[in-house]
Amino acid sequence: MIVALRFLTDELSFDNDDACREFLETHGAQHTIEERADDMGGRTIRIKVKEAAGVFEGLRQAAFSKVDIKGQI
């Protein structure tokens, strides 16, 4: 499954596409970004969601990992 970068920008409430792309690149998902020329001679940036899912699942688990406190019941 592939989605447009604009979709992720809107869904994740980034200010612009560049901020969303920078976030993806700094968090290890740069290999999921695909640039293609569109029909009108511009460029379209798309994200390979299936490949990015593993990266983001690992980041989610790291962010919400459990901390064992000594004396915890």
PDB file of N, CA and C in Angstrom:
ATOM      1  N   MET A   1       0.841  -1.177   0.000  1.00  0.00           N
ATOM      2  CA  MET A   1       0.000   0.000   0.000  1.00  0.00           C
ATOM      3  C   MET A   1       0.886   1.239   0.000  1.00  0.00           C
ATOM      4  N   ILE A   2       0.521   2.188  -0.804  1.00  0.00           N
ATOM      5  CA  ILE A   2       1.284   3.432  -0.929  1.00  0.00           C
ATOM      6  C   ILE A   2       0.329   4.605  -0.735  1.00  0.00           C
ATOM      7  N   VAL A   3       0.752   5.582   0.069  1.00  0.00           N
ATOM      8  CA  VAL A   3      -0.057   6.793   0.268  1.00  0.00           C
ATOM      9  C   VAL A   3       0.791   8.016  -0.068  1.00  0.00           C
ATOM     10  N   ALA A   4       0.119   9.090  -0.406  1.00  0.00           N
ATOM     11  CA  ALA A   4       0.808  10.342  -0.704  1.00  0.00           C
ATOM     12  C   ALA A   4       1.341  10.965   0.580  1.00  0.00           C
ATOM     13  N   LEU A   5       2.468  11.628   0.470  1.00  0.00           N
ATOM     14  CA  LEU A   5       3.047  12.327   1.615  1.00  0.00           C
ATOM     15  C   LEU A   5       2.065  13.354   2.162  1.00  0.00           C
ATOM     16  N   ARG A   6       1.297  13.988   1.289  1.00  0.00           N
ATOM     17  CA  ARG A   6       0.300  14.986   1.702  1.00  0.00           C
ATOM     18  C   ARG A   6      -0.698  14.367   2.672  1.00  0.00           C
ATOM     19  N   PHE A   7      -1.092  13.103   2.448  1.00  0.00           N
ATOM     20  CA  PHE A   7      -2.022  12.417   3.334  1.00  0.00           C
ATOM     21  C   PHE A   7      -1.429  12.291   4.738  1.00  0.00           C
ATOM     22  N   LEU A   8      -0.188  11.848   4.835  1.00  0.00           N
ATOM     23  CA  LEU A   8       0.455  11.731   6.150  1.00  0.00           C
ATOM     24  C   LEU A   8       0.617  13.094   6.809  1.00  0.00           C
ATOM     25  N   THR A   9       0.968  14.097   6.024  1.00  0.00           N
ATOM     26  CA  THR A   9       1.125  15.455   6.557  1.00  0.00           C
ATOM     27  C   THR A   9      -0.171  15.923   7.201  1.00  0.00           C
ATOM     28  N   ASP A  10      -1.281  15.697   6.526  1.00  0.00           N
ATOM     29  CA  ASP A  10      -2.585  16.107   7.058  1.00  0.00           C
ATOM     30  C   ASP A  10      -3.002  15.270   8.260  1.00  0.00           C
ATOM     31  N   GLU A  11      -2.843  13.962   8.169  1.00  0.00           N
ATOM     32  CA  GLU A  11      -3.293  13.069   9.246  1.00  0.00           C
ATOM     33  C   GLU A  11      -2.479  13.236  10.524  1.00  0.00           C
ATOM     34  N   LEU A  12      -1.185  13.506  10.384  1.00  0.00           N
ATOM     35  CA  LEU A  12      -0.316  13.648  11.556  1.00  0.00           C
ATOM     36  C   LEU A  12      -0.132  15.101  11.983  1.00  0.00           C
ATOM     37  N   SER A  13      -0.821  16.016  11.308  1.00  0.00           N
ATOM     38  CA  SER A  13      -0.848  17.454  11.644  1.00  0.00           C
ATOM     39  C   SER A  13       0.523  18.129  11.602  1.00  0.00           C
ATOM     40  N   PHE A  14       1.311  17.795  10.593  1.00  0.00           N
ATOM     41  CA  PHE A  14       2.556  18.523  10.377  1.00  0.00           C
ATOM     42  C   PHE A  14       2.221  19.857   9.714  1.00  0.00           C
ATOM     43  N   ASP A  15       3.110  20.825   9.873  1.00  0.00           N
ATOM     44  CA  ASP A  15       2.893  22.145   9.274  1.00  0.00           C
ATOM     45  C   ASP A  15       2.948  22.094   7.754  1.00  0.00           C
ATOM     46  N   ASN A  16       3.868  21.278   7.219  1.00  0.00           N
ATOM     47  CA  ASN A  16       4.013  21.170   5.768  1.00  0.00           C
ATOM     48  C   ASN A  16       4.630  19.824   5.410  1.00  0.00           C
ATOM     49  N   ASP A  17       4.702  19.546   4.107  1.00  0.00           N
ATOM     50  CA  ASP A  17       5.245  18.269   3.644  1.00  0.00           C
ATOM     51  C   ASP A  17       6.719  18.111   3.992  1.00  0.00           C
ATOM     52  N   ASP A  18       7.467  19.202   3.974  1.00  0.00           N
ATOM     53  CA  ASP A  18       8.894  19.133   4.287  1.00  0.00           C
ATOM     54  C   ASP A  18       9.129  18.690   5.723  1.00  0.00           C
ATOM     55  N   ALA A  19       8.321  19.170   6.657  1.00  0.00           N
ATOM     56  CA  ALA A  19       8.448  18.772   8.062  1.00  0.00           C
ATOM     57  C   ALA A  19       8.121  17.295   8.231  1.00  0.00           C
ATOM     58  N   CYS A  20       7.111  16.830   7.527  1.00  0.00           N
ATOM     59  CA  CYS A  20       6.734  15.414   7.597  1.00  0.00           C
ATOM     60  C   CYS A  20       7.849  14.540   7.029  1.00  0.00           C
ATOM     61  N   ARG A  21       8.400  14.941   5.889  1.00  0.00           N
ATOM     62  CA  ARG A  21       9.483  14.176   5.273  1.00  0.00           C
ATOM     63  C   ARG A  21      10.719  14.156   6.169  1.00  0.00           C
ATOM     64  N   GLU A  22      11.043  15.286   6.777  1.00  0.00           N
ATOM     65  CA  GLU A  22      12.194  15.352   7.684  1.00  0.00           C
ATOM     66  C   GLU A  22      11.990  14.407   8.873  1.00  0.00           C
ATOM     67  N   PHE A  23      10.779  14.367   9.411  1.00  0.00           N
ATOM     68  CA  PHE A  23      10.458  13.456  10.505  1.00  0.00           C
ATOM     69  C   PHE A  23      10.694  12.005  10.082  1.00  0.00           C
ATOM     70  N   LEU A  24      10.208  11.647   8.917  1.00  0.00           N
ATOM     71  CA  LEU A  24      10.383  10.276   8.423  1.00  0.00           C
ATOM     72  C   LEU A  24      11.860   9.928   8.253  1.00  0.00           C
ATOM     73  N   GLU A  25      12.620  10.858   7.696  1.00  0.00           N
ATOM     74  CA  GLU A  25      14.037  10.612   7.454  1.00  0.00           C
ATOM     75  C   GLU A  25      14.837  10.504   8.749  1.00  0.00           C
ATOM     76  N   THR A  26      14.527  11.314   9.738  1.00  0.00           N
ATOM     77  CA  THR A  26      15.275  11.270  10.997  1.00  0.00           C
ATOM     78  C   THR A  26      14.899  10.074  11.870  1.00  0.00           C
ATOM     79  N   HIS A  27      13.775   9.435  11.579  1.00  0.00           N
ATOM     80  CA  HIS A  27      13.348   8.281  12.366  1.00  0.00           C
ATOM     81  C   HIS A  27      13.541   6.960  11.634  1.00  0.00           C
ATOM     82  N   GLY A  28      14.400   6.955  10.627  1.00  0.00           N
ATOM     83  CA  GLY A  28      14.797   5.710   9.982  1.00  0.00           C
ATOM     84  C   GLY A  28      13.870   5.191   8.906  1.00  0.00           C
ATOM     85  N   ALA A  29      12.985   6.014   8.386  1.00  0.00           N
ATOM     86  CA  ALA A  29      12.056   5.547   7.357  1.00  0.00           C
ATOM     87  C   ALA A  29      12.366   6.157   5.990  1.00  0.00           C
ATOM     88  N   GLN A  30      13.609   6.612   5.791  1.00  0.00           N
ATOM     89  CA  GLN A  30      13.948   7.241   4.526  1.00  0.00           C
ATOM     90  C   GLN A  30      13.843   6.277   3.346  1.00  0.00           C
ATOM     91  N   HIS A  31      13.998   4.984   3.575  1.00  0.00           N
ATOM     92  CA  HIS A  31      13.892   4.007   2.487  1.00  0.00           C
ATOM     93  C   HIS A  31      12.444   3.776   2.041  1.00  0.00           C
ATOM     94  N   THR A  32      11.484   4.313   2.765  1.00  0.00           N
ATOM     95  CA  THR A  32      10.077   4.144   2.402  1.00  0.00           C
ATOM     96  C   THR A  32       9.550   5.306   1.557  1.00  0.00           C
ATOM     97  N   ILE A  33      10.367   6.333   1.366  1.00  0.00           N
ATOM     98  CA  ILE A  33       9.956   7.504   0.597  1.00  0.00           C
ATOM     99  C   ILE A  33      10.254   7.258  -0.878  1.00  0.00           C
ATOM    100  N   GLU A  34       9.258   7.482  -1.692  1.00  0.00           N
ATOM    101  CA  GLU A  34       9.392   7.256  -3.134  1.00  0.00           C
ATOM    102  C   GLU A  34       9.002   8.533  -3.882  1.00  0.00           C
ATOM    103  N   GLU A  35       9.893   9.028  -4.734  1.00  0.00           N
ATOM    104  CA  GLU A  35       9.600  10.222  -5.535  1.00  0.00           C
ATOM    105  C   GLU A  35       9.370   9.787  -6.973  1.00  0.00           C
ATOM    106  N   ARG A  36       8.321  10.307  -7.567  1.00  0.00           N
ATOM    107  CA  ARG A  36       8.004  10.002  -8.958  1.00  0.00           C
ATOM    108  C   ARG A  36       7.561  11.275  -9.664  1.00  0.00           C
ATOM    109  N   ALA A  37       7.791  11.292 -10.966  1.00  0.00           N
ATOM    110  CA  ALA A  37       7.296  12.401 -11.780  1.00  0.00           C
ATOM    111  C   ALA A  37       5.812  12.159 -12.051  1.00  0.00           C
ATOM    112  N   ASP A  38       5.012  13.211 -11.916  1.00  0.00           N
ATOM    113  CA  ASP A  38       3.588  13.057 -12.208  1.00  0.00           C
ATOM    114  C   ASP A  38       3.313  13.418 -13.672  1.00  0.00           C
ATOM    115  N   ASP A  39       2.062  13.346 -14.073  1.00  0.00           N
ATOM    116  CA  ASP A  39       1.669  13.576 -15.456  1.00  0.00           C
ATOM    117  C   ASP A  39       1.921  15.004 -15.932  1.00  0.00           C
ATOM    118  N   MET A  40       1.967  15.936 -15.021  1.00  0.00           N
ATOM    119  CA  MET A  40       2.110  17.344 -15.395  1.00  0.00           C
ATOM    120  C   MET A  40       3.547  17.836 -15.279  1.00  0.00           C
ATOM    121  N   GLY A  41       4.492  16.937 -15.140  1.00  0.00           N
ATOM    122  CA  GLY A  41       5.897  17.314 -15.088  1.00  0.00           C
ATOM    123  C   GLY A  41       6.400  17.668 -13.705  1.00  0.00           C
ATOM    124  N   GLY A  42       5.549  17.628 -12.698  1.00  0.00           N
ATOM    125  CA  GLY A  42       5.960  17.891 -11.318  1.00  0.00           C
ATOM    126  C   GLY A  42       6.440  16.614 -10.659  1.00  0.00           C
ATOM    127  N   ARG A  43       6.581  16.642  -9.364  1.00  0.00           N
ATOM    128  CA  ARG A  43       6.994  15.435  -8.653  1.00  0.00           C
ATOM    129  C   ARG A  43       5.959  15.083  -7.593  1.00  0.00           C
ATOM    130  N   THR A  44       5.798  13.816  -7.394  1.00  0.00           N
ATOM    131  CA  THR A  44       4.883  13.304  -6.390  1.00  0.00           C
ATOM    132  C   THR A  44       5.701  12.495  -5.394  1.00  0.00           C
ATOM    133  N   ILE A  45       5.504  12.753  -4.128  1.00  0.00           N
ATOM    134  CA  ILE A  45       6.209  12.007  -3.086  1.00  0.00           C
ATOM    135  C   ILE A  45       5.201  11.086  -2.423  1.00  0.00           C
ATOM    136  N   ARG A  46       5.545   9.794  -2.400  1.00  0.00           N
ATOM    137  CA  ARG A  46       4.658   8.796  -1.817  1.00  0.00           C
ATOM    138  C   ARG A  46       5.418   7.988  -0.773  1.00  0.00           C
ATOM    139  N   ILE A  47       4.659   7.402   0.142  1.00  0.00           N
ATOM    140  CA  ILE A  47       5.227   6.610   1.226  1.00  0.00           C
ATOM    141  C   ILE A  47       4.755   5.172   1.100  1.00  0.00           C
ATOM    142  N   LYS A  48       5.698   4.235   1.172  1.00  0.00           N
ATOM    143  CA  LYS A  48       5.378   2.812   1.135  1.00  0.00           C
ATOM    144  C   LYS A  48       5.004   2.394   2.561  1.00  0.00           C
ATOM    145  N   VAL A  49       3.719   2.327   2.826  1.00  0.00           N
ATOM    146  CA  VAL A  49       3.209   2.113   4.178  1.00  0.00           C
ATOM    147  C   VAL A  49       3.584   0.746   4.724  1.00  0.00           C
ATOM    148  N   LYS A  50       3.511  -0.271   3.903  1.00  0.00           N
ATOM    149  CA  LYS A  50       3.803  -1.627   4.364  1.00  0.00           C
ATOM    150  C   LYS A  50       5.239  -1.737   4.881  1.00  0.00           C
ATOM    151  N   GLU A  51       6.173  -1.103   4.193  1.00  0.00           N
ATOM    152  CA  GLU A  51       7.570  -1.129   4.629  1.00  0.00           C
ATOM    153  C   GLU A  51       7.807  -0.240   5.848  1.00  0.00           C
ATOM    154  N   ALA A  52       7.067   0.838   5.956  1.00  0.00           N
ATOM    155  CA  ALA A  52       7.237   1.773   7.071  1.00  0.00           C
ATOM    156  C   ALA A  52       6.601   1.260   8.362  1.00  0.00           C
ATOM    157  N   ALA A  53       5.669   0.331   8.268  1.00  0.00           N
ATOM    158  CA  ALA A  53       4.948  -0.152   9.448  1.00  0.00           C
ATOM    159  C   ALA A  53       5.892  -0.738  10.492  1.00  0.00           C
ATOM    160  N   GLY A  54       6.874  -1.516  10.076  1.00  0.00           N
ATOM    161  CA  GLY A  54       7.822  -2.112  11.014  1.00  0.00           C
ATOM    162  C   GLY A  54       8.652  -1.079  11.742  1.00  0.00           C
ATOM    163  N   VAL A  55       9.074  -0.062  11.016  1.00  0.00           N
ATOM    164  CA  VAL A  55       9.873   1.012  11.624  1.00  0.00           C
ATOM    165  C   VAL A  55       9.064   1.721  12.700  1.00  0.00           C
ATOM    166  N   PHE A  56       7.824   2.093  12.365  1.00  0.00           N
ATOM    167  CA  PHE A  56       7.015   2.844  13.311  1.00  0.00           C
ATOM    168  C   PHE A  56       6.519   1.989  14.469  1.00  0.00           C
ATOM    169  N   GLU A  57       6.317   0.708  14.241  1.00  0.00           N
ATOM    170  CA  GLU A  57       5.927  -0.173  15.343  1.00  0.00           C
ATOM    171  C   GLU A  57       7.062  -0.281  16.360  1.00  0.00           C
ATOM    172  N   GLY A  58       8.288  -0.374  15.877  1.00  0.00           N
ATOM    173  CA  GLY A  58       9.443  -0.400  16.781  1.00  0.00           C
ATOM    174  C   GLY A  58       9.588   0.892  17.569  1.00  0.00           C
ATOM    175  N   LEU A  59       9.366   2.030  16.902  1.00  0.00           N
ATOM    176  CA  LEU A  59       9.425   3.323  17.597  1.00  0.00           C
ATOM    177  C   LEU A  59       8.312   3.451  18.631  1.00  0.00           C
ATOM    178  N   ARG A  60       7.115   2.950  18.294  1.00  0.00           N
ATOM    179  CA  ARG A  60       5.985   3.005  19.226  1.00  0.00           C
ATOM    180  C   ARG A  60       6.271   2.159  20.455  1.00  0.00           C
ATOM    181  N   GLN A  61       6.808   0.960  20.245  1.00  0.00           N
ATOM    182  CA  GLN A  61       7.118   0.091  21.374  1.00  0.00           C
ATOM    183  C   GLN A  61       8.195   0.696  22.267  1.00  0.00           C
ATOM    184  N   ALA A  62       9.184   1.338  21.672  1.00  0.00           N
ATOM    185  CA  ALA A  62      10.236   1.982  22.463  1.00  0.00           C
ATOM    186  C   ALA A  62       9.680   3.149  23.274  1.00  0.00           C
ATOM    187  N   ALA A  63       8.751   3.890  22.691  1.00  0.00           N
ATOM    188  CA  ALA A  63       8.184   5.051  23.373  1.00  0.00           C
ATOM    189  C   ALA A  63       7.279   4.655  24.535  1.00  0.00           C
ATOM    190  N   PHE A  64       6.609   3.523  24.424  1.00  0.00           N
ATOM    191  CA  PHE A  64       5.654   3.111  25.447  1.00  0.00           C
ATOM    192  C   PHE A  64       6.079   1.832  26.160  1.00  0.00           C
ATOM    193  N   SER A  65       7.371   1.603  26.258  1.00  0.00           N
ATOM    194  CA  SER A  65       7.843   0.398  26.932  1.00  0.00           C
ATOM    195  C   SER A  65       7.586   0.496  28.433  1.00  0.00           C
ATOM    196  N   LYS A  66       7.421  -0.649  29.036  1.00  0.00           N
ATOM    197  CA  LYS A  66       7.125  -0.692  30.478  1.00  0.00           C
ATOM    198  C   LYS A  66       8.422  -0.545  31.270  1.00  0.00           C
ATOM    199  N   VAL A  67       8.300   0.127  32.375  1.00  0.00           N
ATOM    200  CA  VAL A  67       9.421   0.293  33.282  1.00  0.00           C
ATOM    201  C   VAL A  67       9.071  -0.459  34.558  1.00  0.00           C
ATOM    202  N   ASP A  68       9.935  -1.388  34.920  1.00  0.00           N
ATOM    203  CA  ASP A  68       9.702  -2.165  36.122  1.00  0.00           C
ATOM    204  C   ASP A  68      10.286  -1.411  37.328  1.00  0.00           C
ATOM    205  N   ILE A  69       9.451  -1.085  38.269  1.00  0.00           N
ATOM    206  CA  ILE A  69       9.878  -0.346  39.447  1.00  0.00           C
ATOM    207  C   ILE A  69      10.067  -1.336  40.587  1.00  0.00           C
ATOM    208  N   LYS A  70      11.177  -1.213  41.272  1.00  0.00           N
ATOM    209  CA  LYS A  70      11.472  -2.113  42.387  1.00  0.00           C
ATOM    210  C   LYS A  70      10.368  -1.975  43.437  1.00  0.00           C
ATOM    211  N   GLY A  71       9.849  -3.092  43.883  1.00  0.00           N
ATOM    212  CA  GLY A  71       8.777  -3.064  44.880  1.00  0.00           C
ATOM    213  C   GLY A  71       7.405  -2.960  44.272  1.00  0.00           C
ATOM    214  N   GLN A  72       7.324  -3.045  42.973  1.00  0.00           N
ATOM    215  CA  GLN A  72       6.033  -2.956  42.287  1.00  0.00           C
ATOM    216  C   GLN A  72       5.191  -4.190  42.606  1.00  0.00           C
ATOM    217  N   ILE A  73       3.924  -3.990  42.854  1.00  0.00           N
ATOM    218  CA  ILE A  73       3.038  -5.120  43.195  1.00  0.00           C
ATOM    219  C   ILE A  73       2.487  -5.729  41.933  1.00  0.00           C
TER     220      ILE A  73
END
